[in-house]
């Protein structure tokens, strides 16, 4: 076993321009609000600045009226020294469904051309088949491919299984690996053992990403640093702690006497914080005390912090506020039936919505289309077995059998067709426009035509459900749900058990 290097300073990546405000302010920070501090962040010498990906691209188009590539161009110009990092959902890119390989490849090529350096690539089911195209495309463009281990707990998720996944990611050519604890579940003791074991088996750098929702992330970061982790993700208050990453100054204080404490010049931190506090007030319509506090409920239900707060609003909209505990208790059951899938976008939304439907209508009386797609393998290979009765019911309802291979292999190329659609709308048929149009067609068209939304007005309800009885179509009911700021047209079908 390799001995961890406990004298080399740990690297801090900074997430305030992406996950910081995504976790604590619904991804509503505008590019203009970022400009005054971007050069200061660049000067600090972080390992990377997370500036793009995740929900930022959707938010730019849908809520802020910005072209996401323009944001990347601007931030790269203001922060040219520090590598820029983005979160990429593998074959889903930054959306909620799989896209053909040519669209994934074009998106990565465009992102690299506009200045993206590190692509942090994950799959919600930890199915590495959904990462291969993205990793290959990143390397083709001469950039850094960081593979992701999505951390969760279940009977099929063990220390040994995570180490095996890490080795698989290294073998497929990843340049580094991120242990991504999206729900803040990893304990300090598990962190220490898992990091130590991964470092003993891997020859590439290892990064830890967590959220402080349950109050454990700072201690887990410390344990990881003691075990030899190469880098951790931190943010900056007020866009830190709570459902966000631990604060940078807090982590520096925790490492006060450690030989691994990095030597960041903190003289500019006060200026950065003063500006961020001003921005936080400007975004008060999208912040919440629920996102700032420690919430140990997450340890029982394994629900990401942002999803938990959204759920409270969603149930309120449907007159089910008094049934929150029932829905929370249903989540582990649904997750088990769906093969113990990790709860991360988009699977957290799929499991949460299905749990709500089970409580409202009875177990599996109504099944959302995305849940059926998980059962049929359209999102990838589940970590554990799908419930046999549920599989039988879904096969009967859909007339389909689970797919055996990679779901994207069934998708025809789309880039040329997307460009044809753009030309038909008298819009420029660039690769950048085509990949945005593939994921967010309505929002992209509006931005390209110069139509501006009301920027950062009062937030829309998290769940928009008709008060009247839903219209029944195709042997099911359609609901319009707004989950994590993204609007979904959901078909709920009844399945006889």
Protein backbone atom coordinates (compact mmCIF):
# COMPACT_ATOMS: atom_id res chain seq x y z
CA UNK A 1 0.00 0.00 0.00
CA UNK A 2 1.26 3.45 -0.89
CA UNK A 3 1.96 5.83 1.98
CA UNK A 4 -0.05 9.05 1.59
CA UNK A 5 1.92 12.26 1.21
CA UNK A 6 1.00 14.15 4.38
CA UNK A 7 3.35 17.06 3.83
CA UNK A 8 2.42 18.32 0.38
CA UNK A 9 -0.13 21.18 0.65
CA UNK A 10 -3.64 20.20 -0.35
CA UNK A 11 -5.14 22.03 -3.34
CA UNK A 12 -8.40 23.98 -3.02
CA UNK A 13 -10.71 24.28 -6.02
CA UNK A 14 -13.23 27.11 -5.75
CA UNK A 15 -16.91 26.60 -6.62
CA UNK A 16 -18.49 29.97 -5.79
CA UNK A 17 -19.14 30.87 -9.45
CA UNK A 18 -21.04 27.62 -10.07
CA UNK A 19 -22.04 25.21 -7.31
CA UNK A 20 -21.88 27.87 -4.61
CA UNK A 21 -24.80 29.82 -6.00
CA UNK A 22 -26.47 26.74 -7.51
CA UNK A 23 -26.71 25.20 -4.04
CA UNK A 24 -27.72 28.32 -2.15
CA UNK A 25 -29.39 30.68 -4.63
CA UNK A 26 -31.03 28.55 -7.34
CA UNK A 27 -28.19 29.24 -9.83
CA UNK A 28 -29.32 32.83 -10.30
CA UNK A 29 -26.00 34.69 -10.09
CA UNK A 30 -25.63 36.69 -13.31
CA UNK A 31 -22.41 37.14 -15.23
CA UNK A 32 -22.48 40.83 -14.36
CA UNK A 33 -22.57 39.96 -10.65
CA UNK A 34 -19.49 37.75 -11.09
CA UNK A 35 -17.30 40.31 -12.89
CA UNK A 36 -15.99 42.39 -9.95
CA UNK A 37 -14.42 39.41 -8.14
CA UNK A 38 -13.36 37.11 -10.98
CA UNK A 39 -9.85 38.64 -11.34
CA UNK A 40 -9.41 38.40 -7.55
CA UNK A 41 -10.36 34.73 -7.58
CA UNK A 42 -7.94 34.15 -10.45
CA UNK A 43 -5.10 35.78 -8.49
CA UNK A 44 -5.50 33.50 -5.46
CA UNK A 45 -3.98 30.47 -7.16
CA UNK A 46 -6.77 27.92 -6.70
CA UNK A 47 -6.35 24.57 -8.40
CA UNK A 48 -9.43 25.33 -10.51
CA UNK A 49 -12.35 27.74 -10.70
CA UNK A 50 -15.67 26.01 -11.31
CA UNK A 51 -17.39 28.46 -13.63
CA UNK A 52 -19.77 26.48 -15.83
CA UNK A 53 -21.87 23.37 -16.25
CA UNK A 54 -24.38 21.82 -13.89
CA UNK A 55 -27.52 23.98 -13.90
CA UNK A 56 -25.76 27.19 -14.98
CA UNK A 57 -26.35 26.70 -18.70
CA UNK A 58 -30.06 26.08 -18.21
CA UNK A 59 -30.32 29.03 -15.83
CA UNK A 60 -28.48 31.38 -18.21
CA UNK A 61 -30.93 30.62 -20.99
CA UNK A 62 -34.15 30.16 -19.04
CA UNK A 63 -33.95 32.80 -16.33
CA UNK A 64 -31.14 35.24 -17.07
CA UNK A 65 -31.42 35.75 -20.82
CA UNK A 66 -27.70 35.09 -21.26
CA UNK A 67 -25.83 33.05 -23.83
CA UNK A 68 -23.83 30.54 -21.74
CA UNK A 69 -20.90 30.60 -24.15
CA UNK A 70 -20.70 34.39 -23.78
CA UNK A 71 -20.42 33.89 -20.01
CA UNK A 72 -17.60 31.42 -20.45
CA UNK A 73 -15.77 33.76 -22.84
CA UNK A 74 -16.06 36.63 -20.37
CA UNK A 75 -14.95 34.67 -17.30
CA UNK A 76 -12.04 33.12 -19.17
CA UNK A 77 -10.84 36.57 -20.22
CA UNK A 78 -11.04 37.84 -16.63
CA UNK A 79 -9.47 34.71 -15.13
CA UNK A 80 -6.89 33.46 -17.64
CA UNK A 81 -4.41 31.93 -15.20
CA UNK A 82 -6.52 29.46 -13.23
CA UNK A 83 -7.90 26.37 -15.01
CA UNK A 84 -11.65 26.58 -15.53
CA UNK A 85 -13.73 23.55 -14.53
CA UNK A 86 -17.26 22.45 -15.40
CA UNK A 87 -19.65 19.70 -14.31
CA UNK A 88 -20.81 17.50 -17.19
CA UNK A 89 -23.52 14.86 -16.85
CA UNK A 90 -21.90 12.39 -19.23
CA UNK A 91 -24.23 11.38 -22.03
CA UNK A 92 -26.86 13.78 -20.58
CA UNK A 93 -24.46 16.74 -21.14
CA UNK A 94 -26.19 19.28 -18.85
CA UNK A 95 -29.73 18.05 -19.39
CA UNK A 96 -31.88 15.20 -18.09
CA UNK A 97 -31.90 12.73 -20.96
CA UNK A 98 -29.33 11.01 -23.15
CA UNK A 99 -28.04 12.63 -26.33
CA UNK A 100 -26.37 11.08 -29.39
CA UNK A 101 -22.61 10.87 -29.44
CA UNK A 102 -22.22 13.58 -32.09
CA UNK A 103 -24.06 16.11 -29.91
CA UNK A 104 -21.94 15.23 -26.86
CA UNK A 105 -18.76 15.53 -28.93
CA UNK A 106 -19.81 18.86 -30.43
CA UNK A 107 -20.71 20.29 -27.03
CA UNK A 108 -17.31 19.37 -25.59
CA UNK A 109 -15.49 20.75 -28.63
CA UNK A 110 -17.36 24.05 -28.32
CA UNK A 111 -16.73 24.25 -24.57
CA UNK A 112 -13.02 23.62 -25.06
CA UNK A 113 -12.84 26.23 -27.80
CA UNK A 114 -14.40 28.81 -25.48
CA UNK A 115 -11.90 28.14 -22.72
CA UNK A 116 -13.01 25.19 -20.61
CA UNK A 117 -10.04 23.26 -19.24
CA UNK A 118 -11.28 20.56 -16.82
CA UNK A 119 -14.37 18.50 -17.55
CA UNK A 120 -15.71 16.79 -14.43
CA UNK A 121 -17.80 14.00 -15.94
CA UNK A 122 -20.32 11.92 -14.00
CA UNK A 123 -23.12 9.46 -14.64
CA UNK A 124 -26.04 9.34 -12.22
CA UNK A 125 -25.94 5.53 -12.09
CA UNK A 126 -22.12 5.27 -12.04
CA UNK A 127 -22.41 3.45 -15.38
CA UNK A 128 -19.05 4.12 -17.00
CA UNK A 129 -20.44 3.27 -20.44
CA UNK A 130 -22.15 6.66 -20.28
CA UNK A 131 -18.78 8.40 -19.76
CA UNK A 132 -16.71 6.90 -22.58
CA UNK A 133 -17.77 9.28 -25.34
CA UNK A 134 -17.25 12.36 -23.18
CA UNK A 135 -13.82 11.25 -21.95
CA UNK A 136 -12.71 10.50 -25.49
CA UNK A 137 -13.98 13.87 -26.76
CA UNK A 138 -12.25 15.78 -23.96
CA UNK A 139 -8.93 14.17 -24.82
CA UNK A 140 -9.46 14.81 -28.52
CA UNK A 141 -9.65 18.51 -27.68
CA UNK A 142 -6.52 18.37 -25.54
CA UNK A 143 -8.29 18.97 -22.23
CA UNK A 144 -8.44 17.32 -18.80
CA UNK A 145 -11.04 14.56 -18.26
CA UNK A 146 -11.94 14.08 -14.60
CA UNK A 147 -14.00 10.96 -13.97
CA UNK A 148 -16.48 10.91 -11.10
CA UNK A 149 -17.45 8.40 -8.43
CA UNK A 150 -20.95 9.36 -7.26
CA UNK A 151 -20.94 8.48 -3.56
CA UNK A 152 -24.00 7.04 -1.86
CA UNK A 153 -24.84 4.32 0.64
CA UNK A 154 -26.82 1.13 0.08
CA UNK A 155 -26.32 -2.63 0.37
CA UNK A 156 -24.65 -2.64 -3.06
CA UNK A 157 -22.45 0.41 -2.51
CA UNK A 158 -19.39 -0.67 -0.56
CA UNK A 159 -15.86 0.60 -0.11
CA UNK A 160 -14.70 -2.19 -2.38
CA UNK A 161 -17.21 -1.28 -5.11
CA UNK A 162 -16.11 2.37 -5.09
CA UNK A 163 -12.44 1.38 -5.32
CA UNK A 164 -13.25 -0.91 -8.24
CA UNK A 165 -15.07 1.97 -9.95
CA UNK A 166 -12.08 4.23 -9.39
CA UNK A 167 -9.79 1.69 -11.02
CA UNK A 168 -12.20 1.41 -13.95
CA UNK A 169 -12.16 5.18 -14.43
CA UNK A 170 -8.37 5.23 -14.41
CA UNK A 171 -8.20 2.39 -16.91
CA UNK A 172 -10.56 4.20 -19.30
CA UNK A 173 -8.13 7.11 -19.42
CA UNK A 174 -9.40 9.65 -16.90
CA UNK A 175 -6.73 12.18 -15.92
CA UNK A 176 -8.03 12.49 -12.35
CA UNK A 177 -10.96 11.28 -10.26
CA UNK A 178 -13.50 13.20 -8.18
CA UNK A 179 -15.22 11.51 -5.26
CA UNK A 180 -18.52 13.37 -5.53
CA UNK A 181 -20.65 13.32 -2.37
CA UNK A 182 -23.62 15.22 -3.76
CA UNK A 183 -25.84 14.76 -0.69
CA UNK A 184 -23.28 15.30 2.06
CA UNK A 185 -23.55 11.70 3.27
CA UNK A 186 -19.95 10.60 3.59
CA UNK A 187 -18.74 10.35 7.18
CA UNK A 188 -15.22 11.31 8.26
CA UNK A 189 -14.31 7.71 9.02
CA UNK A 190 -15.59 6.43 5.68
CA UNK A 191 -13.85 9.31 3.94
CA UNK A 192 -10.52 8.44 5.54
CA UNK A 193 -10.76 4.74 4.69
CA UNK A 194 -12.03 5.25 1.13
CA UNK A 195 -9.52 7.96 0.25
CA UNK A 196 -6.66 5.93 1.70
CA UNK A 197 -7.72 2.85 -0.27
CA UNK A 198 -8.23 4.78 -3.52
CA UNK A 199 -4.86 6.51 -3.17
CA UNK A 200 -3.19 3.13 -2.65
CA UNK A 201 -4.67 1.79 -5.88
CA UNK A 202 -4.58 4.84 -8.18
CA UNK A 203 -1.76 6.75 -9.80
CA UNK A 204 -3.87 9.79 -10.81
CA UNK A 205 -4.98 12.72 -8.58
CA UNK A 206 -8.05 12.37 -6.34
CA UNK A 207 -10.45 15.21 -5.47
CA UNK A 208 -13.23 15.28 -2.86
CA UNK A 209 -16.45 17.24 -3.45
CA UNK A 210 -19.13 17.38 -0.76
CA UNK A 211 -21.94 19.50 0.65
CA UNK A 212 -22.28 20.54 4.28
CA UNK A 213 -26.02 19.86 4.45
CA UNK A 214 -25.72 17.34 7.28
CA UNK A 215 -22.83 19.18 8.93
CA UNK A 216 -20.17 16.56 8.15
CA UNK A 217 -18.38 17.95 5.11
CA UNK A 218 -15.75 20.01 6.92
CA UNK A 219 -14.77 17.07 9.13
CA UNK A 220 -14.81 14.73 6.14
CA UNK A 221 -12.57 17.12 4.21
CA UNK A 222 -10.14 17.14 7.13
CA UNK A 223 -10.19 13.32 7.22
CA UNK A 224 -9.58 13.20 3.46
CA UNK A 225 -6.64 15.59 3.75
CA UNK A 226 -5.13 13.49 6.52
CA UNK A 227 -5.56 10.40 4.30
CA UNK A 228 -3.71 12.01 1.38
CA UNK A 229 -6.39 13.52 -0.88
CA UNK A 230 -4.90 15.76 -3.56
CA UNK A 231 -7.62 18.43 -3.67
CA UNK A 232 -10.96 19.46 -2.16
CA UNK A 233 -13.72 21.79 -3.39
CA UNK A 234 -14.48 24.86 -1.29
CA UNK A 235 -16.67 27.91 -1.78
CA UNK A 236 -16.94 31.33 -0.14
CA UNK A 237 -19.54 32.67 2.26
CA UNK A 238 -22.32 33.52 1.97
CA UNK A 239 -22.39 31.04 -0.94
CA UNK A 240 -20.83 28.32 1.22
CA UNK A 241 -21.74 25.87 4.01
CA UNK A 242 -25.32 24.66 4.41
CA UNK A 243 -26.28 22.95 1.16
CA UNK A 244 -23.08 24.30 -0.42
CA UNK A 245 -19.42 23.39 -0.06
CA UNK A 246 -17.41 24.26 3.07
CA UNK A 247 -16.11 27.82 3.21
CA UNK A 248 -12.52 28.38 2.10
CA UNK A 249 -11.48 30.39 5.16
CA UNK A 250 -13.11 27.83 7.44
CA UNK A 251 -11.10 25.01 5.89
CA UNK A 252 -7.90 27.06 6.15
CA UNK A 253 -8.61 27.58 9.85
CA UNK A 254 -9.21 23.86 10.36
CA UNK A 255 -5.77 23.17 8.87
CA UNK A 256 -4.03 25.78 11.02
CA UNK A 257 -1.25 23.51 12.31
CA UNK A 258 -1.32 20.97 9.49
CA UNK A 259 1.68 20.67 7.16
CA UNK A 260 -0.87 20.30 4.38
CA UNK A 261 -2.38 23.77 4.86
CA UNK A 262 -2.15 25.64 1.54
CA UNK A 263 -0.60 29.09 1.55
CA UNK A 264 -3.33 31.18 -0.01
CA UNK A 265 -3.02 34.94 0.43
CA UNK A 266 -6.21 35.84 2.28
CA UNK A 267 -5.79 39.61 2.00
CA UNK A 268 -8.35 39.84 -0.82
CA UNK A 269 -10.91 37.61 0.91
CA UNK A 270 -12.61 40.53 2.66
CA UNK A 271 -13.16 42.34 -0.63
CA UNK A 272 -14.54 39.17 -2.23
CA UNK A 273 -16.82 38.47 0.71
CA UNK A 274 -18.14 42.03 0.81
CA UNK A 275 -19.14 41.80 -2.84
CA UNK A 276 -20.66 38.33 -2.44
CA UNK A 277 -22.76 39.50 0.51
CA UNK A 278 -24.12 42.28 -1.69
CA UNK A 279 -24.96 39.74 -4.40
CA UNK A 280 -26.58 37.43 -1.83
CA UNK A 281 -28.93 40.24 -0.83
CA UNK A 282 -29.71 40.94 -4.48
CA UNK A 283 -30.68 37.28 -4.85
CA UNK A 284 -32.74 37.12 -1.66
CA UNK A 285 -35.79 35.94 -3.60
CA UNK A 286 -33.90 32.72 -4.29
CA UNK A 287 -32.17 32.13 -0.96
CA UNK A 288 -33.68 30.40 2.05
CA UNK A 289 -32.75 29.77 5.67
CA UNK A 290 -33.54 26.11 5.01
CA UNK A 291 -30.54 25.98 2.66
CA UNK A 292 -28.23 27.57 5.20
CA UNK A 293 -28.88 25.32 8.18
CA UNK A 294 -27.60 21.87 9.12
CA UNK A 295 -30.26 19.24 8.43
CA UNK A 296 -29.49 15.73 9.68
CA UNK A 297 -32.66 14.34 8.04
CA UNK A 298 -30.60 13.92 4.92
CA UNK A 299 -28.69 11.09 6.60
CA UNK A 300 -31.87 9.04 6.91
CA UNK A 301 -33.44 9.81 3.54
CA UNK A 302 -30.25 10.51 1.52
CA UNK A 303 -31.96 13.37 -0.26
CA UNK A 304 -29.69 16.16 -1.57
CA UNK A 305 -30.25 19.39 0.32
CA UNK A 306 -31.61 21.38 -2.60
CA UNK A 307 -34.05 18.62 -3.41
CA UNK A 308 -35.27 18.53 0.21
CA UNK A 309 -36.12 22.23 0.23
CA UNK A 310 -37.76 21.95 -3.21
CA UNK A 311 -39.79 19.00 -1.99
CA UNK A 312 -41.27 21.02 0.84
CA UNK A 313 -42.48 23.61 -1.66
CA UNK A 314 -43.68 20.99 -4.12
CA UNK A 315 -45.81 19.21 -1.53
CA UNK A 316 -47.23 22.54 -0.35
CA UNK A 317 -48.33 23.33 -3.90
CA UNK A 318 -50.21 20.04 -4.03
CA UNK A 319 -51.81 20.36 -0.62
CA UNK A 320 -49.61 17.58 0.76
CA UNK A 321 -47.52 19.52 3.28
CA UNK A 322 -48.72 17.28 6.07
CA UNK A 323 -47.43 14.20 4.20
CA UNK A 324 -43.78 15.19 3.93
CA UNK A 325 -42.65 12.48 6.34
CA UNK A 326 -44.58 9.85 4.37
CA UNK A 327 -42.95 10.92 1.13
CA UNK A 328 -39.51 11.00 2.74
CA UNK A 329 -39.99 7.47 4.09
CA UNK A 330 -41.08 6.31 0.64
CA UNK A 331 -37.88 7.52 -1.07
CA UNK A 332 -35.61 4.69 0.17
CA UNK A 333 -38.24 2.14 -0.91
CA UNK A 334 -38.50 3.60 -4.42
CA UNK A 335 -34.73 3.81 -4.65
CA UNK A 336 -34.38 0.13 -3.70
CA UNK A 337 -36.99 -0.93 -6.26
CA UNK A 338 -35.13 1.02 -8.95
CA UNK A 339 -31.88 -0.81 -8.23
CA UNK A 340 -30.41 1.34 -5.44
CA UNK A 341 -29.63 4.19 -7.84
CA UNK A 342 -27.68 7.12 -6.38
CA UNK A 343 -29.67 10.30 -5.80
CA UNK A 344 -28.10 12.89 -8.07
CA UNK A 345 -29.49 14.79 -11.05
CA UNK A 346 -31.54 13.47 -12.76
CA UNK A 347 -32.20 10.37 -10.62
CA UNK A 348 -32.94 12.40 -7.48
CA UNK A 349 -35.80 14.10 -9.30
CA UNK A 350 -37.05 10.79 -10.70
CA UNK A 351 -37.06 9.00 -7.33
CA UNK A 352 -38.51 11.98 -5.46
CA UNK A 353 -41.37 12.46 -7.91
CA UNK A 354 -42.19 8.74 -7.89
CA UNK A 355 -42.20 8.66 -4.09
CA UNK A 356 -44.69 11.52 -4.10
CA UNK A 357 -46.88 9.70 -6.63
CA UNK A 358 -46.74 6.48 -4.56
CA UNK A 359 -47.93 8.33 -1.47
CA UNK A 360 -50.62 10.27 -3.32
CA UNK A 361 -52.07 7.44 -5.43
CA UNK A 362 -50.77 4.22 -3.84
CA UNK A 363 -47.60 2.32 -4.60
CA UNK A 364 -46.96 2.03 -8.34
CA UNK A 365 -50.55 2.93 -9.22
CA UNK A 366 -49.07 5.80 -11.20
CA UNK A 367 -45.58 5.52 -12.66
CA UNK A 368 -43.77 8.46 -14.22
CA UNK A 369 -42.21 7.98 -17.63
CA UNK A 370 -38.68 8.66 -16.33
CA UNK A 371 -39.12 5.98 -13.63
CA UNK A 372 -40.19 3.49 -16.29
CA UNK A 373 -37.16 4.48 -18.36
CA UNK A 374 -34.90 3.69 -15.38
CA UNK A 375 -36.54 0.26 -15.07
CA UNK A 376 -35.99 -0.36 -18.79
CA UNK A 377 -32.30 0.59 -18.63
CA UNK A 378 -32.63 3.76 -20.68
CA UNK A 379 -30.58 5.72 -18.16
CA UNK A 380 -27.96 3.02 -17.89
CA UNK A 381 -27.18 -0.04 -15.80
CA UNK A 382 -28.56 0.22 -12.25
CA UNK A 383 -26.11 -0.63 -9.45
CA UNK A 384 -28.46 -3.28 -8.05
CA UNK A 385 -31.32 -5.48 -9.27
CA UNK A 386 -34.61 -3.90 -10.35
CA UNK A 387 -37.58 -5.14 -8.33
CA UNK A 388 -38.94 -8.15 -10.23
CA UNK A 389 -42.63 -7.27 -9.84
CA UNK A 390 -42.06 -3.70 -10.88
CA UNK A 391 -40.07 -4.82 -13.93
CA UNK A 392 -42.87 -7.16 -14.94
CA UNK A 393 -45.48 -4.42 -14.61
CA UNK A 394 -43.46 -1.90 -16.62
CA UNK A 395 -42.80 -4.46 -19.36
CA UNK A 396 -46.53 -5.18 -19.53
CA UNK A 397 -47.49 -1.52 -19.63
CA UNK A 398 -44.91 -0.42 -22.19
CA UNK A 399 -44.62 -3.58 -24.27
CA UNK A 400 -40.85 -3.16 -24.01
CA UNK A 401 -37.99 -5.21 -22.63
CA UNK A 402 -34.97 -3.67 -20.87
CA UNK A 403 -32.21 -2.65 -23.24
CA UNK A 404 -28.97 -4.56 -22.90
CA UNK A 405 -26.34 -2.17 -24.24
CA UNK A 406 -25.55 1.52 -23.93
CA UNK A 407 -28.70 3.60 -24.40
CA UNK A 408 -26.93 6.16 -26.61
CA UNK A 409 -26.09 3.45 -29.14
CA UNK A 410 -29.77 3.48 -30.09
CA UNK A 411 -29.78 7.22 -30.84
CA UNK A 412 -29.13 8.44 -34.41
CA UNK A 413 -26.83 11.44 -35.03
CA UNK A 414 -28.57 14.81 -34.65
CA UNK A 415 -26.17 17.65 -35.31
CA UNK A 416 -27.07 18.12 -39.00
CA UNK A 417 -30.78 17.93 -38.24
CA UNK A 418 -30.39 20.47 -35.43
CA UNK A 419 -28.67 22.88 -37.80
CA UNK A 420 -31.44 22.41 -40.34
CA UNK A 421 -33.99 23.32 -37.65
CA UNK A 422 -32.01 26.43 -36.77
CA UNK A 423 -31.83 27.52 -40.39
CA UNK A 424 -35.58 26.98 -40.75
CA UNK A 425 -36.04 29.45 -37.90
CA UNK A 426 -33.61 31.93 -39.52
CA UNK A 427 -31.14 31.41 -36.67
CA UNK A 428 -27.35 31.02 -37.06
CA UNK A 429 -26.52 27.33 -37.46
CA UNK A 430 -23.28 27.31 -35.46
CA UNK A 431 -22.23 24.29 -33.43
CA UNK A 432 -22.68 26.34 -30.26
CA UNK A 433 -26.28 27.18 -31.13
CA UNK A 434 -26.99 23.61 -32.22
CA UNK A 435 -25.86 21.99 -28.96
CA UNK A 436 -27.78 24.53 -26.86
CA UNK A 437 -30.85 24.05 -29.07
CA UNK A 438 -30.60 20.27 -28.62
CA UNK A 439 -30.94 20.61 -24.85
CA UNK A 440 -33.08 23.73 -24.40
CA UNK A 441 -34.79 24.52 -27.72
CA UNK A 442 -37.39 27.04 -26.58
CA UNK A 443 -35.05 28.93 -24.27
CA UNK A 444 -32.20 28.97 -26.81
CA UNK A 445 -34.47 30.33 -29.54
CA UNK A 446 -35.63 33.15 -27.27
CA UNK A 447 -32.09 34.14 -26.34
CA UNK A 448 -30.92 34.04 -29.96
CA UNK A 449 -33.85 36.25 -30.95
CA UNK A 450 -33.02 38.72 -28.20
CA UNK A 451 -36.10 38.00 -26.10
CA UNK A 452 -35.25 38.79 -22.49
CA UNK A 453 -36.93 37.22 -19.46
CA UNK A 454 -37.57 39.20 -16.28
CA UNK A 455 -34.16 38.66 -14.72
CA UNK A 456 -34.18 37.56 -11.10
CA UNK A 457 -37.75 38.50 -10.37
CA UNK A 458 -39.83 36.56 -7.88
CA UNK A 459 -39.20 32.83 -8.27
CA UNK A 460 -41.84 30.66 -9.81
CA UNK A 461 -43.47 27.97 -7.71
CA UNK A 462 -41.25 24.93 -7.48
CA UNK A 463 -44.09 22.65 -8.48
CA UNK A 464 -46.77 23.84 -10.85
CA UNK A 465 -49.62 21.33 -10.73
CA UNK A 466 -53.10 21.99 -12.11
CA UNK A 467 -55.66 22.47 -9.37
CA UNK A 468 -58.33 20.85 -11.50
CA UNK A 469 -58.32 17.15 -12.27
CA UNK A 470 -55.55 16.33 -14.74
CA UNK A 471 -56.42 15.71 -18.35
CA UNK A 472 -56.14 12.02 -19.13
CA UNK A 473 -54.28 11.07 -22.31
CA UNK A 474 -52.68 7.91 -23.56
CA UNK A 475 -54.00 5.93 -20.55
CA UNK A 476 -52.27 8.31 -18.16
CA UNK A 477 -52.23 11.78 -16.65
CA UNK A 478 -49.98 14.69 -17.56
CA UNK A 479 -48.48 16.99 -14.97
CA UNK A 480 -46.33 20.05 -15.44
CA UNK A 481 -43.68 19.90 -12.72
CA UNK A 482 -41.01 22.47 -12.03
CA UNK A 483 -38.22 20.64 -10.21
CA UNK A 484 -34.93 22.30 -9.30
CA UNK A 485 -35.90 25.19 -11.57
CA UNK A 486 -36.46 22.95 -14.60
CA UNK A 487 -39.91 22.48 -16.13
CA UNK A 488 -40.94 18.89 -16.91
CA UNK A 489 -43.93 17.58 -18.83
CA UNK A 490 -44.54 14.32 -16.94
CA UNK A 491 -46.80 11.53 -18.17
CA UNK A 492 -48.02 9.40 -15.25
CA UNK A 493 -49.49 6.06 -16.25
CA UNK A 494 -51.39 3.58 -14.12
CA UNK A 495 -49.96 0.10 -13.86
CA UNK A 496 -52.05 -2.81 -12.59
CA UNK A 497 -50.16 -4.96 -10.15
